[in-house]
Amino acid sequence: MRSALFINLKTNKMIQVFKCDHCHHFTQDAEEMRMHEAKCSFNPALKKCYTCLHSYEAGMPISGSMRGCEKKLDIIKGEEVGMCVGWEADA
C-alpha cells in the first residue's frame, strides 16, 4: 500500500489517499486498503489467476473478458479462493 497527497478539486484542499500495490484501486481509508490488498486478484501472494503464468484471455468480443487456464484447472475457484495448486509466477 502506498499513500500520496492529492488536491481535492471541489474543496481545493489536500487529501491523503492510499493505493493498492497490485492494482489501480485507491481510497482515503487505510484500513479499507488493507482489506482490499488482502483479497486483491492481482496480489501474487494469493496465487489467483491474474498473476499466474498459465492464465490467458479466453473471452470473445460479444461475451467480454474471461480467464482461461492452460492447465485446465477451475478458473472460478482459482479467482474466488486463490491458492491454486497449478499456480506459477508470471515472469
C-alpha atoms as a PDB file:
ATOM      1  CA  MET A   1       0.000   0.000   0.000  1.00  0.00           C
ATOM      2  CA  ARG A   2       1.282   3.411  -0.938  1.00  0.00           C
ATOM      3  CA  SER A   3      -0.026   6.766   0.170  1.00  0.00           C
ATOM      4  CA  ALA A   4       0.050  10.099  -1.614  1.00  0.00           C
ATOM      5  CA  LEU A   5      -1.349  13.583  -1.226  1.00  0.00           C
ATOM      6  CA  PHE A   6      -3.740  14.962  -3.817  1.00  0.00           C
ATOM      7  CA  ILE A   7      -5.708  18.168  -4.158  1.00  0.00           C
ATOM      8  CA  ASN A   8      -9.464  17.719  -3.910  1.00  0.00           C
ATOM      9  CA  LEU A   9     -10.652  19.877  -6.805  1.00  0.00           C
ATOM     10  CA  LYS A  10     -14.025  20.529  -5.177  1.00  0.00           C
ATOM     11  CA  THR A  11     -12.637  21.823  -1.879  1.00  0.00           C
ATOM     12  CA  ASN A  12      -9.160  22.842  -3.090  1.00  0.00           C
ATOM     13  CA  LYS A  13      -7.669  21.059  -0.039  1.00  0.00           C
ATOM     14  CA  MET A  14      -5.005  18.378   0.169  1.00  0.00           C
ATOM     15  CA  ILE A  15      -6.232  14.844   0.955  1.00  0.00           C
ATOM     16  CA  GLN A  16      -4.291  11.677   1.659  1.00  0.00           C
ATOM     17  CA  VAL A  17      -5.155   8.627  -0.437  1.00  0.00           C
ATOM     18  CA  PHE A  18      -3.917   5.036  -0.328  1.00  0.00           C
ATOM     19  CA  LYS A  19      -3.249   2.994  -3.482  1.00  0.00           C
ATOM     20  CA  CYS A  20      -3.105  -0.776  -3.824  1.00  0.00           C
ATOM     21  CA  ASP A  21       0.380  -2.107  -4.620  1.00  0.00           C
ATOM     22  CA  HIS A  22      -1.142  -4.627  -7.027  1.00  0.00           C
ATOM     23  CA  CYS A  23      -3.882  -2.829  -8.996  1.00  0.00           C
ATOM     24  CA  HIS A  24      -5.439   0.572  -9.733  1.00  0.00           C
ATOM     25  CA  HIS A  25      -7.709   0.680  -6.640  1.00  0.00           C
ATOM     26  CA  PHE A  26      -7.348   3.641  -4.270  1.00  0.00           C
ATOM     27  CA  THR A  27      -9.199   5.008  -1.243  1.00  0.00           C
ATOM     28  CA  GLN A  28      -8.871   7.556   1.563  1.00  0.00           C
ATOM     29  CA  ASP A  29      -9.244   4.839   4.222  1.00  0.00           C
ATOM     30  CA  ALA A  30      -6.040   2.927   5.161  1.00  0.00           C
ATOM     31  CA  GLU A  31      -7.956   0.063   6.789  1.00  0.00           C
ATOM     32  CA  GLU A  32     -10.160  -0.328   3.718  1.00  0.00           C
ATOM     33  CA  MET A  33      -6.993  -0.556   1.611  1.00  0.00           C
ATOM     34  CA  ARG A  34      -5.505  -3.228   3.892  1.00  0.00           C
ATOM     35  CA  MET A  35      -8.684  -5.282   3.487  1.00  0.00           C
ATOM     36  CA  HIS A  36      -8.641  -4.759  -0.293  1.00  0.00           C
ATOM     37  CA  GLU A  37      -4.998  -5.836  -0.682  1.00  0.00           C
ATOM     38  CA  ALA A  38      -5.701  -8.976   1.363  1.00  0.00           C
ATOM     39  CA  LYS A  39      -8.129 -10.142  -1.356  1.00  0.00           C
ATOM     40  CA  CYS A  40      -6.887  -8.303  -4.471  1.00  0.00           C
ATOM     41  CA  SER A  41      -6.940 -10.540  -7.576  1.00  0.00           C
ATOM     42  CA  PHE A  42      -3.600  -9.074  -8.646  1.00  0.00           C
ATOM     43  CA  ASN A  43      -1.790  -9.850  -5.351  1.00  0.00           C
ATOM     44  CA  PRO A  44       0.652 -12.658  -6.294  1.00  0.00           C
ATOM     45  CA  ALA A  45       0.775 -13.904  -2.691  1.00  0.00           C
ATOM     46  CA  LEU A  46      -2.836 -15.113  -3.124  1.00  0.00           C
ATOM     47  CA  LYS A  47      -1.960 -17.223  -6.194  1.00  0.00           C
ATOM     48  CA  LYS A  48      -5.013 -16.193  -8.200  1.00  0.00           C
ATOM     49  CA  CYS A  49      -5.455 -16.484 -11.968  1.00  0.00           C
ATOM     50  CA  TYR A  50      -4.494 -12.944 -12.970  1.00  0.00           C
ATOM     51  CA  THR A  51      -0.937 -13.419 -11.652  1.00  0.00           C
ATOM     52  CA  CYS A  52      -0.443 -16.954 -12.996  1.00  0.00           C
ATOM     53  CA  LEU A  53       1.790 -17.968 -15.884  1.00  0.00           C
ATOM     54  CA  HIS A  54      -0.920 -20.372 -17.124  1.00  0.00           C
ATOM     55  CA  SER A  55      -3.742 -17.815 -17.277  1.00  0.00           C
ATOM     56  CA  TYR A  56      -4.866 -16.388 -20.612  1.00  0.00           C
ATOM     57  CA  GLU A  57      -7.665 -14.254 -22.033  1.00  0.00           C
ATOM     58  CA  ALA A  58     -10.372 -16.610 -23.310  1.00  0.00           C
ATOM     59  CA  GLY A  59     -13.203 -14.133 -23.833  1.00  0.00           C
ATOM     60  CA  MET A  60     -14.798 -13.003 -27.049  1.00  0.00           C
ATOM     61  CA  PRO A  61     -15.867  -9.514 -28.160  1.00  0.00           C
ATOM     62  CA  ILE A  62     -19.520 -10.425 -27.559  1.00  0.00           C
ATOM     63  CA  SER A  63     -19.101 -12.201 -24.194  1.00  0.00           C
ATOM     64  CA  GLY A  64     -16.418  -9.888 -22.802  1.00  0.00           C
ATOM     65  CA  SER A  65     -13.343 -10.649 -20.739  1.00  0.00           C
ATOM     66  CA  MET A  66     -12.964 -14.168 -19.386  1.00  0.00           C
ATOM     67  CA  ARG A  67      -9.947 -16.031 -17.993  1.00  0.00           C
ATOM     68  CA  GLY A  68      -8.737 -19.403 -19.230  1.00  0.00           C
ATOM     69  CA  CYS A  69      -6.238 -21.867 -17.751  1.00  0.00           C
ATOM     70  CA  GLU A  70      -3.642 -23.717 -19.827  1.00  0.00           C
ATOM     71  CA  LYS A  71      -3.631 -26.462 -17.168  1.00  0.00           C
ATOM     72  CA  LYS A  72      -7.445 -26.798 -17.446  1.00  0.00           C
ATOM     73  CA  LEU A  73      -7.895 -26.024 -13.732  1.00  0.00           C
ATOM     74  CA  ASP A  74     -11.041 -24.462 -12.237  1.00  0.00           C
ATOM     75  CA  ILE A  75     -10.677 -20.744 -13.001  1.00  0.00           C
ATOM     76  CA  ILE A  76     -13.696 -19.777 -10.905  1.00  0.00           C
ATOM     77  CA  LYS A  77     -12.212 -21.393  -7.799  1.00  0.00           C
ATOM     78  CA  GLY A  78      -8.792 -20.030  -8.764  1.00  0.00           C
ATOM     79  CA  GLU A  79     -10.128 -16.498  -8.813  1.00  0.00           C
ATOM     80  CA  GLU A  80     -12.543 -16.649  -5.867  1.00  0.00           C
ATOM     81  CA  VAL A  81     -10.465 -18.781  -3.474  1.00  0.00           C
ATOM     82  CA  GLY A  82      -6.928 -18.459  -4.815  1.00  0.00           C
ATOM     83  CA  MET A  83      -4.004 -20.587  -3.642  1.00  0.00           C
ATOM     84  CA  CYS A  84      -4.251 -22.641  -6.858  1.00  0.00           C
ATOM     85  CA  VAL A  85      -2.190 -25.841  -6.909  1.00  0.00           C
ATOM     86  CA  GLY A  86      -1.114 -25.175 -10.503  1.00  0.00           C
ATOM     87  CA  TRP A  87      -0.154 -21.544  -9.956  1.00  0.00           C
ATOM     88  CA  GLU A  88       3.243 -20.392 -11.212  1.00  0.00           C
ATOM     89  CA  ALA A  89       4.563 -16.830 -11.116  1.00  0.00           C
ATOM     90  CA  ASP A  90       4.056 -14.918 -14.342  1.00  0.00           C
ATOM     91  CA  ALA A  91       7.544 -13.776 -15.314  1.00  0.00           C
END
